């Protein structure tokens, strides 16, 4: 799996919060076309086909990273 860019990660976080493409474009000051391009890159890099799958994968990875950090303490 390829690493997401900072902007792709920001888009994914907003998707996770329930924002639609129009809301994301307004929050990030980018066009909806650019939001859609970021989403397509996210899907490709995460190996998923839709928003729900992307959110689930993101949350699982976030949880795993948090768990690993706690083990190091």
Protein backbone atom coordinates (compact mmCIF):
# COMPACT_ATOMS: atom_id res chain seq x y z
CA UNK A 1 0.00 0.00 0.00
CA UNK A 2 1.37 3.40 -0.99
CA UNK A 3 1.56 6.16 1.58
CA UNK A 4 -1.12 8.86 1.35
CA UNK A 5 -0.06 12.45 0.80
CA UNK A 6 -0.88 15.07 3.42
CA UNK A 7 -3.80 16.36 1.34
CA UNK A 8 -5.16 12.85 0.71
CA UNK A 9 -4.98 12.18 4.44
CA UNK A 10 -6.83 15.41 5.13
CA UNK A 11 -9.56 14.43 2.64
CA UNK A 12 -9.83 10.97 4.21
CA UNK A 13 -10.15 12.45 7.71
CA UNK A 14 -12.99 14.68 6.48
CA UNK A 15 -14.68 11.69 4.83
CA UNK A 16 -14.36 9.85 8.15
CA UNK A 17 -16.12 12.78 9.82
CA UNK A 18 -19.04 12.39 7.40
CA UNK A 19 -18.43 15.31 5.05
CA UNK A 20 -19.51 15.01 1.41
CA UNK A 21 -17.38 16.14 -1.55
CA UNK A 22 -18.92 19.62 -1.69
CA UNK A 23 -18.33 20.20 2.01
CA UNK A 24 -14.76 18.91 1.71
CA UNK A 25 -14.08 21.24 -1.21
CA UNK A 26 -15.33 24.23 0.78
CA UNK A 27 -13.32 23.33 3.89
CA UNK A 28 -10.11 22.77 1.91
CA UNK A 29 -10.63 25.62 -0.59
CA UNK A 30 -10.32 23.27 -3.57
CA UNK A 31 -12.69 22.27 -6.37
CA UNK A 32 -14.95 19.24 -6.12
CA UNK A 33 -13.03 17.86 -9.12
CA UNK A 34 -9.83 17.98 -7.06
CA UNK A 35 -11.61 16.30 -4.12
CA UNK A 36 -12.73 13.51 -6.46
CA UNK A 37 -9.17 13.10 -7.76
CA UNK A 38 -7.85 12.84 -4.20
CA UNK A 39 -10.52 10.26 -3.39
CA UNK A 40 -9.61 8.15 -6.43
CA UNK A 41 -5.94 8.23 -5.34
CA UNK A 42 -6.97 7.25 -1.80
CA UNK A 43 -8.98 4.29 -3.10
CA UNK A 44 -6.11 3.15 -5.28
CA UNK A 45 -3.49 3.46 -2.55
CA UNK A 46 -5.65 1.75 0.08
CA UNK A 47 -6.86 -0.94 -2.33
CA UNK A 48 -10.53 -0.16 -1.71
CA UNK A 49 -13.55 0.65 -3.88
CA UNK A 50 -15.71 3.01 -1.83
CA UNK A 51 -15.85 5.51 1.03
CA UNK A 52 -16.93 3.01 3.66
CA UNK A 53 -14.06 0.66 2.87
CA UNK A 54 -11.61 3.58 2.94
CA UNK A 55 -12.89 4.77 6.32
CA UNK A 56 -12.74 1.28 7.82
CA UNK A 57 -9.19 0.73 6.58
CA UNK A 58 -8.10 4.17 7.82
CA UNK A 59 -9.59 3.60 11.28
CA UNK A 60 -8.04 0.12 11.56
CA UNK A 61 -4.60 1.47 10.62
CA UNK A 62 -4.98 4.40 13.00
CA UNK A 63 -5.94 2.01 15.81
CA UNK A 64 -3.02 -0.30 15.03
CA UNK A 65 -0.56 2.62 15.11
CA UNK A 66 -1.97 3.79 18.45
CA UNK A 67 -1.69 0.26 19.84
CA UNK A 68 1.93 -0.01 18.69
CA UNK A 69 2.76 3.35 20.28
CA UNK A 70 1.26 2.23 23.59
CA UNK A 71 3.36 -0.96 23.53
CA UNK A 72 6.53 1.11 23.19
CA UNK A 73 5.76 3.06 26.36
